[in-house]
Amino acid sequence: MSPVYYIYDENGILIDRRMNPYSAREGQEPRKDHGNPQLIIDLLPECKVFIARRMGDVSKRALMTNMGVTPIITQEEDPDSALRAFLGAKDDA
């Protein structure tokens, strides 16, 4: 549902900002297919980790088991903070 996706490389460098053609525009209802994880794969085929504020359990499971993408749910408010939290947790592992 996000209007734009921020794509970073594995070092945390922003490489692209991709508009989401499936998101609801201001004042509009979300599309009925917004919960389809295949739309994420089609829009972001190079991404193997997807960090989001919210995601349905069915979509999370489908991304992990069928599509080889690791979904990460964050409470961070913005993409840069979410990325820093993810990279910090990855360094601790």
PDB file of N, CA and C in Angstrom:
ATOM      1  N   MET A   1       0.808  -1.191   0.000  1.00  0.00           N
ATOM      2  CA  MET A   1       0.000   0.000   0.000  1.00  0.00           C
ATOM      3  C   MET A   1       0.858   1.263   0.000  1.00  0.00           C
ATOM      4  N   SER A   2       2.132   1.129   0.259  1.00  0.00           N
ATOM      5  CA  SER A   2       3.009   2.295   0.269  1.00  0.00           C
ATOM      6  C   SER A   2       3.034   2.955  -1.106  1.00  0.00           C
ATOM      7  N   PRO A   3       3.017   4.278  -1.169  1.00  0.00           N
ATOM      8  CA  PRO A   3       3.043   4.939  -2.470  1.00  0.00           C
ATOM      9  C   PRO A   3       4.399   4.866  -3.166  1.00  0.00           C
ATOM     10  N   VAL A   4       5.461   4.684  -2.373  1.00  0.00           N
ATOM     11  CA  VAL A   4       6.797   4.586  -2.953  1.00  0.00           C
ATOM     12  C   VAL A   4       7.616   3.585  -2.144  1.00  0.00           C
ATOM     13  N   TYR A   5       8.473   2.851  -2.849  1.00  0.00           N
ATOM     14  CA  TYR A   5       9.385   1.914  -2.201  1.00  0.00           C
ATOM     15  C   TYR A   5      10.799   2.438  -2.349  1.00  0.00           C
ATOM     16  N   TYR A   6      11.563   2.364  -1.272  1.00  0.00           N
ATOM     17  CA  TYR A   6      12.966   2.760  -1.283  1.00  0.00           C
ATOM     18  C   TYR A   6      13.789   1.485  -1.390  1.00  0.00           C
ATOM     19  N   ILE A   7      14.677   1.442  -2.356  1.00  0.00           N
ATOM     20  CA  ILE A   7      15.479   0.247  -2.602  1.00  0.00           C
ATOM     21  C   ILE A   7      16.934   0.584  -2.274  1.00  0.00           C
ATOM     22  N   TYR A   8      17.500  -0.224  -1.371  1.00  0.00           N
ATOM     23  CA  TYR A   8      18.874  -0.034  -0.916  1.00  0.00           C
ATOM     24  C   TYR A   8      19.707  -1.237  -1.317  1.00  0.00           C
ATOM     25  N   ASP A   9      21.005  -1.017  -1.490  1.00  0.00           N
ATOM     26  CA  ASP A   9      21.883  -2.166  -1.713  1.00  0.00           C
ATOM     27  C   ASP A   9      22.226  -2.793  -0.359  1.00  0.00           C
ATOM     28  N   GLU A  10      23.010  -3.848  -0.379  1.00  0.00           N
ATOM     29  CA  GLU A  10      23.310  -4.579   0.862  1.00  0.00           C
ATOM     30  C   GLU A  10      24.161  -3.775   1.835  1.00  0.00           C
ATOM     31  N   ASN A  11      24.713  -2.646   1.373  1.00  0.00           N
ATOM     32  CA  ASN A  11      25.502  -1.771   2.248  1.00  0.00           C
ATOM     33  C   ASN A  11      24.695  -0.600   2.787  1.00  0.00           C
ATOM     34  N   GLY A  12      23.411  -0.547   2.451  1.00  0.00           N
ATOM     35  CA  GLY A  12      22.558   0.524   2.945  1.00  0.00           C
ATOM     36  C   GLY A  12      22.565   1.779   2.091  1.00  0.00           C
ATOM     37  N   ILE A  13      23.061   1.690   0.867  1.00  0.00           N
ATOM     38  CA  ILE A  13      23.085   2.832  -0.047  1.00  0.00           C
ATOM     39  C   ILE A  13      21.782   2.839  -0.847  1.00  0.00           C
ATOM     40  N   LEU A  14      21.087   3.972  -0.835  1.00  0.00           N
ATOM     41  CA  LEU A  14      19.846   4.102  -1.602  1.00  0.00           C
ATOM     42  C   LEU A  14      20.176   4.035  -3.082  1.00  0.00           C
ATOM     43  N   ILE A  15      19.546   3.095  -3.797  1.00  0.00           N
ATOM     44  CA  ILE A  15      19.807   2.958  -5.229  1.00  0.00           C
ATOM     45  C   ILE A  15      18.600   3.292  -6.089  1.00  0.00           C
ATOM     46  N   ASP A  16      17.402   3.325  -5.491  1.00  0.00           N
ATOM     47  CA  ASP A  16      16.212   3.638  -6.298  1.00  0.00           C
ATOM     48  C   ASP A  16      15.055   3.997  -5.388  1.00  0.00           C
ATOM     49  N   ARG A  17      14.182   4.816  -5.903  1.00  0.00           N
ATOM     50  CA  ARG A  17      12.874   5.095  -5.299  1.00  0.00           C
ATOM     51  C   ARG A  17      11.862   4.717  -6.358  1.00  0.00           C
ATOM     52  N   ARG A  18      11.075   3.711  -6.073  1.00  0.00           N
ATOM     53  CA  ARG A  18      10.152   3.179  -7.071  1.00  0.00           C
ATOM     54  C   ARG A  18       8.719   3.460  -6.668  1.00  0.00           C
ATOM     55  N   MET A  19       7.994   4.148  -7.533  1.00  0.00           N
ATOM     56  CA  MET A  19       6.586   4.429  -7.283  1.00  0.00           C
ATOM     57  C   MET A  19       5.791   3.128  -7.342  1.00  0.00           C
ATOM     58  N   ASN A  20       4.809   3.006  -6.469  1.00  0.00           N
ATOM     59  CA  ASN A  20       3.967   1.823  -6.405  1.00  0.00           C
ATOM     60  C   ASN A  20       2.673   2.092  -7.182  1.00  0.00           C
ATOM     61  N   PRO A  21       2.512   1.495  -8.347  1.00  0.00           N
ATOM     62  CA  PRO A  21       1.299   1.733  -9.128  1.00  0.00           C
ATOM     63  C   PRO A  21       0.049   1.097  -8.513  1.00  0.00           C
ATOM     64  N   TYR A  22       0.237   0.253  -7.499  1.00  0.00           N
ATOM     65  CA  TYR A  22      -0.885  -0.447  -6.869  1.00  0.00           C
ATOM     66  C   TYR A  22      -1.410   0.250  -5.620  1.00  0.00           C
ATOM     67  N   SER A  23      -0.732   1.306  -5.157  1.00  0.00           N
ATOM     68  CA  SER A  23      -1.156   1.944  -3.907  1.00  0.00           C
ATOM     69  C   SER A  23      -2.364   2.838  -4.137  1.00  0.00           C
ATOM     70  N   ALA A  24      -3.066   3.104  -3.069  1.00  0.00           N
ATOM     71  CA  ALA A  24      -4.186   4.044  -3.122  1.00  0.00           C
ATOM     72  C   ALA A  24      -3.613   5.451  -3.156  1.00  0.00           C
ATOM     73  N   ARG A  25      -4.128   6.251  -4.014  1.00  0.00           N
ATOM     74  CA  ARG A  25      -3.736   7.661  -4.053  1.00  0.00           C
ATOM     75  C   ARG A  25      -4.555   8.413  -3.016  1.00  0.00           C
ATOM     76  N   GLU A  26      -4.129   9.589  -2.669  1.00  0.00           N
ATOM     77  CA  GLU A  26      -4.811  10.364  -1.636  1.00  0.00           C
ATOM     78  C   GLU A  26      -6.306  10.460  -1.948  1.00  0.00           C
ATOM     79  N   GLY A  27      -7.119  10.095  -0.946  1.00  0.00           N
ATOM     80  CA  GLY A  27      -8.568  10.161  -1.093  1.00  0.00           C
ATOM     81  C   GLY A  27      -9.195   8.959  -1.773  1.00  0.00           C
ATOM     82  N   GLN A  28      -8.372   7.966  -2.163  1.00  0.00           N
ATOM     83  CA  GLN A  28      -8.899   6.769  -2.823  1.00  0.00           C
ATOM     84  C   GLN A  28      -8.797   5.563  -1.897  1.00  0.00           C
ATOM     85  N   GLU A  29      -9.619   4.584  -2.154  1.00  0.00           N
ATOM     86  CA  GLU A  29      -9.548   3.310  -1.442  1.00  0.00           C
ATOM     87  C   GLU A  29      -8.431   2.461  -2.040  1.00  0.00           C
ATOM     88  N   PRO A  30      -7.776   1.602  -1.228  1.00  0.00           N
ATOM     89  CA  PRO A  30      -6.763   0.694  -1.783  1.00  0.00           C
ATOM     90  C   PRO A  30      -7.397  -0.263  -2.785  1.00  0.00           C
ATOM     91  N   ARG A  31      -6.599  -0.666  -3.756  1.00  0.00           N
ATOM     92  CA  ARG A  31      -7.076  -1.650  -4.729  1.00  0.00           C
ATOM     93  C   ARG A  31      -7.378  -2.956  -4.016  1.00  0.00           C
ATOM     94  N   LYS A  32      -8.309  -3.703  -4.555  1.00  0.00           N
ATOM     95  CA  LYS A  32      -8.689  -4.976  -3.930  1.00  0.00           C
ATOM     96  C   LYS A  32      -7.547  -5.990  -3.949  1.00  0.00           C
ATOM     97  N   ASP A  33      -6.619  -5.854  -4.878  1.00  0.00           N
ATOM     98  CA  ASP A  33      -5.519  -6.812  -4.984  1.00  0.00           C
ATOM     99  C   ASP A  33      -4.258  -6.351  -4.263  1.00  0.00           C
ATOM    100  N   HIS A  34      -4.360  -5.305  -3.414  1.00  0.00           N
ATOM    101  CA  HIS A  34      -3.158  -4.774  -2.773  1.00  0.00           C
ATOM    102  C   HIS A  34      -2.478  -5.781  -1.850  1.00  0.00           C
ATOM    103  N   GLY A  35      -3.180  -6.808  -1.402  1.00  0.00           N
ATOM    104  CA  GLY A  35      -2.601  -7.815  -0.524  1.00  0.00           C
ATOM    105  C   GLY A  35      -1.959  -8.975  -1.253  1.00  0.00           C
ATOM    106  N   ASN A  36      -1.843  -8.881  -2.554  1.00  0.00           N
ATOM    107  CA  ASN A  36      -1.269  -9.955  -3.356  1.00  0.00           C
ATOM    108  C   ASN A  36       0.261  -9.839  -3.340  1.00  0.00           C
ATOM    109  N   PRO A  37       0.981 -10.773  -2.704  1.00  0.00           N
ATOM    110  CA  PRO A  37       2.442 -10.654  -2.621  1.00  0.00           C
ATOM    111  C   PRO A  37       3.126 -10.736  -3.981  1.00  0.00           C
ATOM    112  N   GLN A  38       2.469 -11.315  -4.973  1.00  0.00           N
ATOM    113  CA  GLN A  38       3.076 -11.378  -6.309  1.00  0.00           C
ATOM    114  C   GLN A  38       3.291  -9.972  -6.876  1.00  0.00           C
ATOM    115  N   LEU A  39       2.441  -9.021  -6.473  1.00  0.00           N
ATOM    116  CA  LEU A  39       2.620  -7.642  -6.939  1.00  0.00           C
ATOM    117  C   LEU A  39       3.939  -7.069  -6.429  1.00  0.00           C
ATOM    118  N   ILE A  40       4.319  -7.418  -5.201  1.00  0.00           N
ATOM    119  CA  ILE A  40       5.596  -6.967  -4.650  1.00  0.00           C
ATOM    120  C   ILE A  40       6.740  -7.546  -5.480  1.00  0.00           C
ATOM    121  N   ILE A  41       6.658  -8.827  -5.772  1.00  0.00           N
ATOM    122  CA  ILE A  41       7.704  -9.495  -6.551  1.00  0.00           C
ATOM    123  C   ILE A  41       7.801  -8.900  -7.944  1.00  0.00           C
ATOM    124  N   ASP A  42       6.663  -8.648  -8.560  1.00  0.00           N
ATOM    125  CA  ASP A  42       6.669  -8.069  -9.908  1.00  0.00           C
ATOM    126  C   ASP A  42       7.276  -6.671  -9.920  1.00  0.00           C
ATOM    127  N   LEU A  43       6.998  -5.889  -8.897  1.00  0.00           N
ATOM    128  CA  LEU A  43       7.487  -4.513  -8.824  1.00  0.00           C
ATOM    129  C   LEU A  43       8.934  -4.432  -8.338  1.00  0.00           C
ATOM    130  N   LEU A  44       9.341  -5.370  -7.464  1.00  0.00           N
ATOM    131  CA  LEU A  44      10.661  -5.321  -6.836  1.00  0.00           C
ATOM    132  C   LEU A  44      11.398  -6.651  -7.003  1.00  0.00           C
ATOM    133  N   PRO A  45      11.594  -7.119  -8.230  1.00  0.00           N
ATOM    134  CA  PRO A  45      12.145  -8.469  -8.422  1.00  0.00           C
ATOM    135  C   PRO A  45      13.562  -8.653  -7.895  1.00  0.00           C
ATOM    136  N   GLU A  46      14.329  -7.570  -7.762  1.00  0.00           N
ATOM    137  CA  GLU A  46      15.708  -7.692  -7.309  1.00  0.00           C
ATOM    138  C   GLU A  46      15.834  -7.742  -5.792  1.00  0.00           C
ATOM    139  N   CYS A  47      14.753  -7.507  -5.075  1.00  0.00           N
ATOM    140  CA  CYS A  47      14.801  -7.423  -3.613  1.00  0.00           C
ATOM    141  C   CYS A  47      14.612  -8.788  -2.955  1.00  0.00           C
ATOM    142  N   LYS A  48      15.486  -9.085  -2.004  1.00  0.00           N
ATOM    143  CA  LYS A  48      15.396 -10.344  -1.259  1.00  0.00           C
ATOM    144  C   LYS A  48      14.989 -10.132   0.189  1.00  0.00           C
ATOM    145  N   VAL A  49      14.949  -8.873   0.635  1.00  0.00           N
ATOM    146  CA  VAL A  49      14.468  -8.502   1.969  1.00  0.00           C
ATOM    147  C   VAL A  49      13.466  -7.379   1.765  1.00  0.00           C
ATOM    148  N   PHE A  50      12.312  -7.507   2.422  1.00  0.00           N
ATOM    149  CA  PHE A  50      11.264  -6.501   2.298  1.00  0.00           C
ATOM    150  C   PHE A  50      10.925  -6.023   3.700  1.00  0.00           C
ATOM    151  N   ILE A  51      11.184  -4.741   3.987  1.00  0.00           N
ATOM    152  CA  ILE A  51      10.930  -4.172   5.306  1.00  0.00           C
ATOM    153  C   ILE A  51       9.658  -3.337   5.216  1.00  0.00           C
ATOM    154  N   ALA A  52       8.716  -3.627   6.114  1.00  0.00           N
ATOM    155  CA  ALA A  52       7.421  -2.948   6.060  1.00  0.00           C
ATOM    156  C   ALA A  52       6.908  -2.661   7.461  1.00  0.00           C
ATOM    157  N   ARG A  53       6.003  -1.723   7.563  1.00  0.00           N
ATOM    158  CA  ARG A  53       5.348  -1.440   8.851  1.00  0.00           C
ATOM    159  C   ARG A  53       4.245  -2.444   9.123  1.00  0.00           C
ATOM    160  N   ARG A  54       3.565  -2.869   8.084  1.00  0.00           N
ATOM    161  CA  ARG A  54       2.484  -3.843   8.235  1.00  0.00           C
ATOM    162  C   ARG A  54       2.488  -4.779   7.030  1.00  0.00           C
ATOM    163  N   MET A  55       2.072  -6.010   7.292  1.00  0.00           N
ATOM    164  CA  MET A  55       1.907  -6.984   6.223  1.00  0.00           C
ATOM    165  C   MET A  55       1.076  -8.129   6.774  1.00  0.00           C
ATOM    166  N   GLY A  56       0.152  -8.598   5.985  1.00  0.00           N
ATOM    167  CA  GLY A  56      -0.686  -9.711   6.402  1.00  0.00           C
ATOM    168  C   GLY A  56       0.112 -11.001   6.535  1.00  0.00           C
ATOM    169  N   ASP A  57      -0.355 -11.872   7.413  1.00  0.00           N
ATOM    170  CA  ASP A  57       0.334 -13.150   7.644  1.00  0.00           C
ATOM    171  C   ASP A  57       0.412 -14.003   6.384  1.00  0.00           C
ATOM    172  N   VAL A  58      -0.644 -14.010   5.591  1.00  0.00           N
ATOM    173  CA  VAL A  58      -0.647 -14.803   4.356  1.00  0.00           C
ATOM    174  C   VAL A  58       0.422 -14.288   3.402  1.00  0.00           C
ATOM    175  N   SER A  59       0.516 -12.974   3.259  1.00  0.00           N
ATOM    176  CA  SER A  59       1.538 -12.389   2.383  1.00  0.00           C
ATOM    177  C   SER A  59       2.939 -12.688   2.897  1.00  0.00           C
ATOM    178  N   LYS A  60       3.154 -12.560   4.218  1.00  0.00           N
ATOM    179  CA  LYS A  60       4.478 -12.858   4.787  1.00  0.00           C
ATOM    180  C   LYS A  60       4.877 -14.297   4.491  1.00  0.00           C
ATOM    181  N   ARG A  61       3.958 -15.210   4.730  1.00  0.00           N
ATOM    182  CA  ARG A  61       4.237 -16.630   4.500  1.00  0.00           C
ATOM    183  C   ARG A  61       4.542 -16.895   3.026  1.00  0.00           C
ATOM    184  N   ALA A  62       3.752 -16.307   2.134  1.00  0.00           N
ATOM    185  CA  ALA A  62       3.959 -16.516   0.692  1.00  0.00           C
ATOM    186  C   ALA A  62       5.308 -15.961   0.249  1.00  0.00           C
ATOM    187  N   LEU A  63       5.672 -14.795   0.735  1.00  0.00           N
ATOM    188  CA  LEU A  63       6.973 -14.221   0.373  1.00  0.00           C
ATOM    189  C   LEU A  63       8.109 -15.129   0.818  1.00  0.00           C
ATOM    190  N   MET A  64       8.023 -15.653   2.039  1.00  0.00           N
ATOM    191  CA  MET A  64       9.094 -16.501   2.580  1.00  0.00           C
ATOM    192  C   MET A  64       9.149 -17.856   1.894  1.00  0.00           C
ATOM    193  N   THR A  65       8.022 -18.526   1.807  1.00  0.00           N
ATOM    194  CA  THR A  65       8.053 -19.920   1.365  1.00  0.00           C
ATOM    195  C   THR A  65       8.011 -20.085  -0.144  1.00  0.00           C
ATOM    196  N   ASN A  66       7.325 -19.204  -0.843  1.00  0.00           N
ATOM    197  CA  ASN A  66       7.152 -19.387  -2.283  1.00  0.00           C
ATOM    198  C   ASN A  66       8.032 -18.480  -3.128  1.00  0.00           C
ATOM    199  N   MET A  67       8.520 -17.384  -2.554  1.00  0.00           N
ATOM    200  CA  MET A  67       9.170 -16.374  -3.377  1.00  0.00           C
ATOM    201  C   MET A  67      10.592 -16.038  -2.942  1.00  0.00           C
ATOM    202  N   GLY A  68      11.078 -16.647  -1.868  1.00  0.00           N
ATOM    203  CA  GLY A  68      12.452 -16.439  -1.437  1.00  0.00           C
ATOM    204  C   GLY A  68      12.761 -15.048  -0.915  1.00  0.00           C
ATOM    205  N   VAL A  69      11.755 -14.344  -0.415  1.00  0.00           N
ATOM    206  CA  VAL A  69      11.940 -12.998   0.114  1.00  0.00           C
ATOM    207  C   VAL A  69      11.739 -13.039   1.623  1.00  0.00           C
ATOM    208  N   THR A  70      12.613 -12.364   2.364  1.00  0.00           N
ATOM    209  CA  THR A  70      12.495 -12.292   3.812  1.00  0.00           C
ATOM    210  C   THR A  70      11.733 -11.033   4.192  1.00  0.00           C
ATOM    211  N   PRO A  71      10.522 -11.175   4.736  1.00  0.00           N
ATOM    212  CA  PRO A  71       9.791  -9.986   5.197  1.00  0.00           C
ATOM    213  C   PRO A  71      10.199  -9.625   6.628  1.00  0.00           C
ATOM    214  N   ILE A  72      10.431  -8.347   6.859  1.00  0.00           N
ATOM    215  CA  ILE A  72      10.787  -7.825   8.169  1.00  0.00           C
ATOM    216  C   ILE A  72       9.735  -6.782   8.532  1.00  0.00           C
ATOM    217  N   ILE A  73       9.109  -6.935   9.686  1.00  0.00           N
ATOM    218  CA  ILE A  73       8.123  -5.955  10.145  1.00  0.00           C
ATOM    219  C   ILE A  73       8.827  -5.037  11.136  1.00  0.00           C
ATOM    220  N   THR A  74       8.667  -3.740  10.942  1.00  0.00           N
ATOM    221  CA  THR A  74       9.345  -2.749  11.777  1.00  0.00           C
ATOM    222  C   THR A  74       8.329  -1.784  12.371  1.00  0.00           C
ATOM    223  N   GLN A  75       8.719  -1.177  13.467  1.00  0.00           N
ATOM    224  CA  GLN A  75       7.911  -0.110  14.067  1.00  0.00           C
ATOM    225  C   GLN A  75       8.483   1.261  13.724  1.00  0.00           C
ATOM    226  N   GLU A  76       9.581   1.279  12.991  1.00  0.00           N
ATOM    227  CA  GLU A  76      10.218   2.545  12.619  1.00  0.00           C
ATOM    228  C   GLU A  76       9.286   3.357  11.726  1.00  0.00           C
ATOM    229  N   GLU A  77       9.398   4.664  11.832  1.00  0.00           N
ATOM    230  CA  GLU A  77       8.491   5.575  11.127  1.00  0.00           C
ATOM    231  C   GLU A  77       8.905   5.891   9.696  1.00  0.00           C
ATOM    232  N   ASP A  78      10.188   5.760   9.382  1.00  0.00           N
ATOM    233  CA  ASP A  78      10.633   6.152   8.043  1.00  0.00           C
ATOM    234  C   ASP A  78      11.629   5.118   7.507  1.00  0.00           C
ATOM    235  N   PRO A  79      11.828   5.096   6.190  1.00  0.00           N
ATOM    236  CA  PRO A  79      12.702   4.077   5.593  1.00  0.00           C
ATOM    237  C   PRO A  79      14.132   4.100   6.108  1.00  0.00           C
ATOM    238  N   ASP A  80      14.708   5.283   6.303  1.00  0.00           N
ATOM    239  CA  ASP A  80      16.094   5.343   6.770  1.00  0.00           C
ATOM    240  C   ASP A  80      16.246   4.741   8.167  1.00  0.00           C
ATOM    241  N   SER A  81      15.306   5.056   9.061  1.00  0.00           N
ATOM    242  CA  SER A  81      15.351   4.480  10.414  1.00  0.00           C
ATOM    243  C   SER A  81      15.154   2.972  10.369  1.00  0.00           C
ATOM    244  N   ALA A  82      14.242   2.509   9.538  1.00  0.00           N
ATOM    245  CA  ALA A  82      14.000   1.066   9.409  1.00  0.00           C
ATOM    246  C   ALA A  82      15.251   0.365   8.885  1.00  0.00           C
ATOM    247  N   LEU A  83      15.895   0.982   7.919  1.00  0.00           N
ATOM    248  CA  LEU A  83      17.117   0.392   7.377  1.00  0.00           C
ATOM    249  C   LEU A  83      18.220   0.330   8.429  1.00  0.00           C
ATOM    250  N   ARG A  84      18.407   1.420   9.176  1.00  0.00           N
ATOM    251  CA  ARG A  84      19.438   1.426  10.225  1.00  0.00           C
ATOM    252  C   ARG A  84      19.157   0.345  11.273  1.00  0.00           C
ATOM    253  N   ALA A  85      17.893   0.193  11.656  1.00  0.00           N
ATOM    254  CA  ALA A  85      17.538  -0.837  12.634  1.00  0.00           C
ATOM    255  C   ALA A  85      17.833  -2.232  12.070  1.00  0.00           C
ATOM    256  N   PHE A  86      17.483  -2.443  10.817  1.00  0.00           N
ATOM    257  CA  PHE A  86      17.734  -3.747  10.183  1.00  0.00           C
ATOM    258  C   PHE A  86      19.231  -4.027  10.094  1.00  0.00           C
ATOM    259  N   LEU A  87      19.995  -3.051   9.624  1.00  0.00           N
ATOM    260  CA  LEU A  87      21.438  -3.260   9.490  1.00  0.00           C
ATOM    261  C   LEU A  87      22.099  -3.449  10.850  1.00  0.00           C
ATOM    262  N   GLY A  88      21.626  -2.738  11.876  1.00  0.00           N
ATOM    263  CA  GLY A  88      22.155  -2.919  13.226  1.00  0.00           C
ATOM    264  C   GLY A  88      21.864  -4.309  13.755  1.00  0.00           C
ATOM    265  N   ALA A  89      20.658  -4.806  13.523  1.00  0.00           N
ATOM    266  CA  ALA A  89      20.275  -6.157  13.978  1.00  0.00           C
ATOM    267  C   ALA A  89      21.077  -7.198  13.201  1.00  0.00           C
ATOM    268  N   LYS A  90      21.315  -6.951  11.928  1.00  0.00           N
ATOM    269  CA  LYS A  90      22.082  -7.881  11.097  1.00  0.00           C
ATOM    270  C   LYS A  90      23.532  -7.954  11.583  1.00  0.00           C
ATOM    271  N   ASP A  91      24.103  -6.802  11.974  1.00  0.00           N
ATOM    272  CA  ASP A  91      25.472  -6.772  12.490  1.00  0.00           C
ATOM    273  C   ASP A  91      25.594  -7.514  13.802  1.00  0.00           C
ATOM    274  N   ASP A  92      24.519  -7.494  14.618  1.00  0.00           N
ATOM    275  CA  ASP A  92      24.532  -8.165  15.916  1.00  0.00           C
ATOM    276  C   ASP A  92      24.422  -9.682  15.786  1.00  0.00           C
ATOM    277  N   ALA A  93      23.925 -10.156  14.653  1.00  0.00           N
ATOM    278  CA  ALA A  93      23.702 -11.610  14.458  1.00  0.00           C
ATOM    279  C   ALA A  93      24.983 -12.353  14.194  1.00  0.00           C
TER     280      ALA A  93
END
